[in-house]
Protein backbone atom coordinates (compact mmCIF):
# COMPACT_ATOMS: atom_id res chain seq x y z
CA MET A 1 82.50 24.63 68.82
CA LYS A 2 84.85 27.40 67.68
CA ASP A 3 88.11 26.65 65.99
CA ILE A 4 91.12 28.49 67.50
CA VAL A 5 94.83 28.62 67.16
CA LEU A 6 96.84 28.38 70.36
CA ASN A 7 100.12 30.30 70.38
CA TRP A 8 102.46 27.61 71.70
CA SER A 9 105.61 28.88 73.45
CA SER A 10 106.33 25.31 74.79
CA GLY A 11 106.30 26.68 78.34
CA LYS A 12 104.10 26.34 81.46
CA ASP A 13 101.75 29.29 80.62
CA ALA A 14 100.99 27.83 77.11
CA SER A 15 100.53 24.44 78.53
CA PHE A 16 98.02 25.76 81.17
CA ALA A 17 96.17 27.62 78.34
CA TYR A 18 96.09 24.36 76.47
CA TYR A 19 94.73 22.61 79.44
CA LEU A 20 91.95 25.19 79.90
CA LEU A 21 91.06 25.37 76.31
CA LYS A 22 91.01 21.62 75.77
CA ASN A 23 88.58 21.28 78.59
CA ASP A 24 86.24 23.84 77.44
CA SER A 25 83.49 22.52 75.05
CA LYS A 26 83.22 25.87 73.34
CA TYR A 27 86.65 25.57 71.69
CA ASN A 28 88.54 23.29 69.34
CA ILE A 29 92.31 23.90 69.20
CA SER A 30 92.88 23.41 65.45
CA SER A 31 96.55 24.32 65.44
CA LEU A 32 99.56 25.33 67.60
CA LEU A 33 101.58 28.45 66.39
CA THR A 34 105.12 28.93 67.52
CA SER A 35 107.75 31.42 66.55
CA VAL A 36 111.17 29.76 66.02
CA SER A 37 114.61 31.31 65.56
CA ALA A 38 115.73 30.34 62.02
CA GLN A 39 119.41 30.56 63.10
CA TYR A 40 119.20 28.28 66.13
CA ASN A 41 116.06 26.17 65.37
CA ARG A 42 114.82 26.94 68.88
CA VAL A 43 111.62 28.43 70.27
CA SER A 44 112.15 32.17 70.34
CA MET A 45 110.74 32.73 73.86
CA HIS A 46 112.11 29.84 75.71
CA GLY A 47 115.04 28.32 73.66
CA THR A 48 113.36 24.97 73.48
CA ARG A 49 114.81 22.84 70.76
CA ILE A 50 112.67 22.41 67.63
CA GLU A 51 112.74 18.51 68.11
CA ILE A 52 111.19 18.87 71.54
CA LEU A 53 108.65 21.49 70.18
CA GLU A 54 107.66 18.98 67.41
CA LYS A 55 107.45 16.07 69.92
CA GLN A 56 105.13 18.14 72.19
CA ALA A 57 102.76 18.93 69.22
CA ASP A 58 102.85 15.21 68.20
CA LEU A 59 102.16 13.89 71.68
CA ILE A 60 99.05 16.12 72.11
CA GLY A 61 97.97 15.43 68.55
CA ILE A 62 97.48 19.11 67.31
CA PRO A 63 99.14 20.23 64.09
CA LEU A 64 102.05 22.69 64.59
CA GLU A 65 102.63 25.79 62.46
CA LYS A 66 106.24 27.24 62.84
CA ILE A 67 106.98 30.85 62.04
CA MET A 68 110.62 30.94 61.13
CA VAL A 69 111.99 34.22 62.41
CA PRO A 70 115.38 35.37 60.67
CA GLU A 71 118.33 36.25 62.79
CA ASN A 72 118.28 39.76 64.19
CA ALA A 73 114.78 40.38 62.90
CA ASP A 74 113.38 43.73 63.74
CA MET A 75 109.69 44.26 64.60
CA GLU A 76 108.74 44.93 61.04
CA THR A 77 110.21 41.63 59.82
CA TYR A 78 108.66 39.78 62.73
CA ASP A 79 105.33 41.38 61.98
CA LYS A 80 105.44 40.36 58.30
CA ALA A 81 106.29 36.75 59.23
CA MET A 82 103.46 36.70 61.73
CA GLN A 83 100.89 38.12 59.26
CA LYS A 84 101.87 35.74 56.60
CA SER A 85 101.28 32.85 58.95
CA LEU A 86 98.04 34.20 60.32
CA GLN A 87 96.60 34.76 56.84
CA LYS A 88 96.79 30.94 56.31
CA PHE A 89 94.39 30.53 59.21
CA ILE A 90 92.19 33.42 58.34
CA GLU A 91 91.77 31.89 54.87
CA LYS A 92 90.38 28.81 56.62
CA ASP A 93 87.98 30.99 58.46
CA ILE A 94 89.97 30.59 61.73
CA ASN A 95 90.22 34.08 63.31
CA THR A 96 90.53 33.40 67.05
CA PHE A 97 94.00 33.12 68.58
CA ALA A 98 94.76 32.18 72.20
CA PHE A 99 97.88 33.17 74.28
CA GLY A 100 99.01 31.88 77.63
CA ASP A 101 101.18 34.84 78.43
CA ILE A 102 99.10 37.92 78.47
CA PHE A 103 100.00 39.11 81.92
CA LEU A 104 102.62 41.45 80.39
CA GLU A 105 100.51 44.47 79.48
CA ASP A 106 102.70 45.73 76.55
CA LEU A 107 102.68 42.23 75.03
CA ARG A 108 98.90 41.83 75.45
CA LYS A 109 98.36 45.17 73.77
CA TYR A 110 100.58 44.22 70.88
CA ARG A 111 98.74 40.89 70.37
CA GLU A 112 95.29 42.35 70.57
CA ALA A 113 96.12 44.96 67.79
């Protein structure tokens, strides 16, 4: 079974990706990873309150890693925050990351890089 990190936006696509991965015996979702606006304490993509995000992770029983993104962060700042977080997983020999929203071609290319 391969350990993976699921990038969790708190939305329907992430939920569907969770469902598919959870029901596939090849994978073990070892952690959820979410970028959160440090200013608003909300999920960057959907605006979900951090309390709801934490409750979702608690209810499905998977640890949550939050990437706190500073206000008005440019791509370089975002990339650094993301790399710092990803490094924690790589140090644990977890190097596979799943996304539920890869239908946007530019976003998919960025995440595959």
